[in-house]
Structures are given as C-alpha cells and as structure tokens.
Protein backbone atom coordinates (compact mmCIF):
# COMPACT_ATOMS: atom_id res chain seq x y z
CA PRO A 1 28.05 -18.25 32.06
CA GLY A 2 27.59 -19.32 28.41
CA TRP A 3 23.83 -19.65 28.75
CA LEU A 4 21.66 -17.21 26.71
CA PRO A 5 17.78 -17.06 26.93
CA PRO A 6 16.29 -18.65 23.80
CA GLN A 7 14.74 -15.25 22.71
CA PHE A 8 17.96 -13.91 22.59
CA LEU A 9 19.40 -16.84 20.49
CA SER A 10 16.04 -16.54 18.13
CA TYR A 11 16.77 -12.58 17.70
CA LEU A 12 20.42 -13.27 16.83
CA GLY A 13 19.33 -15.86 14.27
CA ALA A 14 16.93 -13.43 12.95
CA CYS A 15 19.60 -10.82 12.83
CA ASP A 16 22.01 -13.01 11.07
CA ARG A 17 19.56 -14.15 8.42
CA LEU A 18 18.95 -10.43 7.63
CA LEU A 19 22.31 -9.23 7.67
CA LYS A 20 22.88 -12.23 5.17
CA GLN A 21 20.29 -10.71 2.70
CA GLY A 22 22.71 -7.80 2.38
CA TYR A 23 20.94 -5.33 4.92
CA GLU A 24 22.94 -2.92 7.12
CA GLU A 25 23.42 -4.09 10.88
CA GLY A 26 22.03 -0.70 12.21
CA GLN A 27 19.17 -1.22 10.10
CA VAL A 28 18.46 -4.55 10.95
CA GLU A 29 18.70 -4.11 14.70
CA GLU A 30 16.47 -0.83 14.33
CA ALA A 31 13.77 -2.77 12.43
CA MET A 32 13.76 -5.78 14.64
CA GLU A 33 13.41 -3.39 17.64
CA MET A 34 10.54 -1.31 15.77
CA PHE A 35 8.50 -4.52 15.12
CA GLN A 36 9.03 -6.19 18.81
CA TYR A 37 11.59 -8.45 17.11
CA SER A 38 9.28 -10.00 14.61
CA GLU A 39 11.81 -11.11 11.87
CA LYS A 40 8.90 -11.36 9.44
CA LYS A 41 7.78 -7.86 9.82
CA ALA A 42 11.38 -6.63 10.07
CA ALA A 43 12.32 -8.32 6.90
CA GLU A 44 9.25 -6.57 4.99
CA PHE A 45 10.01 -3.33 6.53
CA LEU A 46 13.53 -3.61 5.25
CA ARG A 47 12.58 -4.81 1.91
CA LEU A 48 10.32 -1.91 1.24
CA LEU A 49 12.60 0.53 2.55
CA ALA A 50 15.51 -0.65 0.20
CA GLN A 51 12.86 -0.50 -2.52
CA PHE A 52 11.58 3.10 -1.97
CA ASN A 53 15.08 4.22 -1.15
CA ASP A 54 15.93 2.95 -4.63
CA MET A 55 13.07 5.17 -6.00
CA GLY A 56 14.95 8.28 -4.32
CA PHE A 57 12.69 8.89 -1.48
CA GLN A 58 14.47 9.93 1.71
CA GLN A 59 15.12 7.38 4.51
CA ASN A 60 13.37 9.05 7.46
CA GLU A 61 10.38 9.64 5.48
CA ILE A 62 10.20 6.13 4.46
CA LYS A 63 10.78 4.87 7.89
CA GLU A 64 7.88 7.33 8.96
CA VAL A 65 5.45 6.29 6.39
CA LEU A 66 5.97 2.49 6.73
CA LEU A 67 5.24 2.68 10.51
CA LEU A 68 2.22 4.75 9.96
CA CYS A 69 0.95 2.40 7.25
CA GLY A 70 2.10 -1.20 8.93
CA ASN A 71 4.42 -2.01 5.93
CA GLN A 72 1.39 -1.82 3.54
CA ARG A 73 3.38 -1.04 0.22
CA GLU A 74 0.48 0.56 -1.80
CA ARG A 75 -0.36 2.91 0.94
CA ALA A 76 3.07 3.85 2.02
CA LEU A 77 3.81 4.64 -1.71
CA GLU A 78 0.63 6.91 -2.09
CA GLU A 79 1.68 8.73 1.24
CA LEU A 80 5.60 8.98 -0.01
CA VAL A 81 4.28 10.35 -3.37
CA MET A 82 1.98 13.07 -1.82
CA LYS A 83 4.85 14.30 0.69
C-alpha cells in the first residue's frame, strides 16, 4: 500500500505539468495515451490542437490530422485547409 510504480508517478507528474499550462484534464489524458505517455509529444499535440482550434477548425478534424501528420504543424495546417 502506498507504493506506485515509477512510470505511474512520472505519468502523474507529466499530466500535472500539462494541466498547469491550462489544458483540460480529459484532453491531457487522451493526448498522453495517444503518444504512449510521451510528455513532449503530448504537449506539442495539445499546443497545436489549441492553436488550430483558435483558427476555427473542428477539434475532431484537428486530432485526426495531427495524428496523421505526426504533429507536424505545416503539414497539419495544409491538410486542415484542404478539408
């Protein structure tokens, strides 16, 4: 009791840092799962998701395109504009 695996603790720490940047909990958890718990990739995904969302694109389309493009901003933007 009281013992947690190191991977879980680093996951919690990563989620906490992303939440402190103002992202929603559900989005943070989803991003962490999508990128095999890579905080760096999840953070980039969340940043681009927010950016494209502010441009008026639909969230479900943004997520799909970012996954297809591997978080490459320019490629993702081209895909979104073509939709």
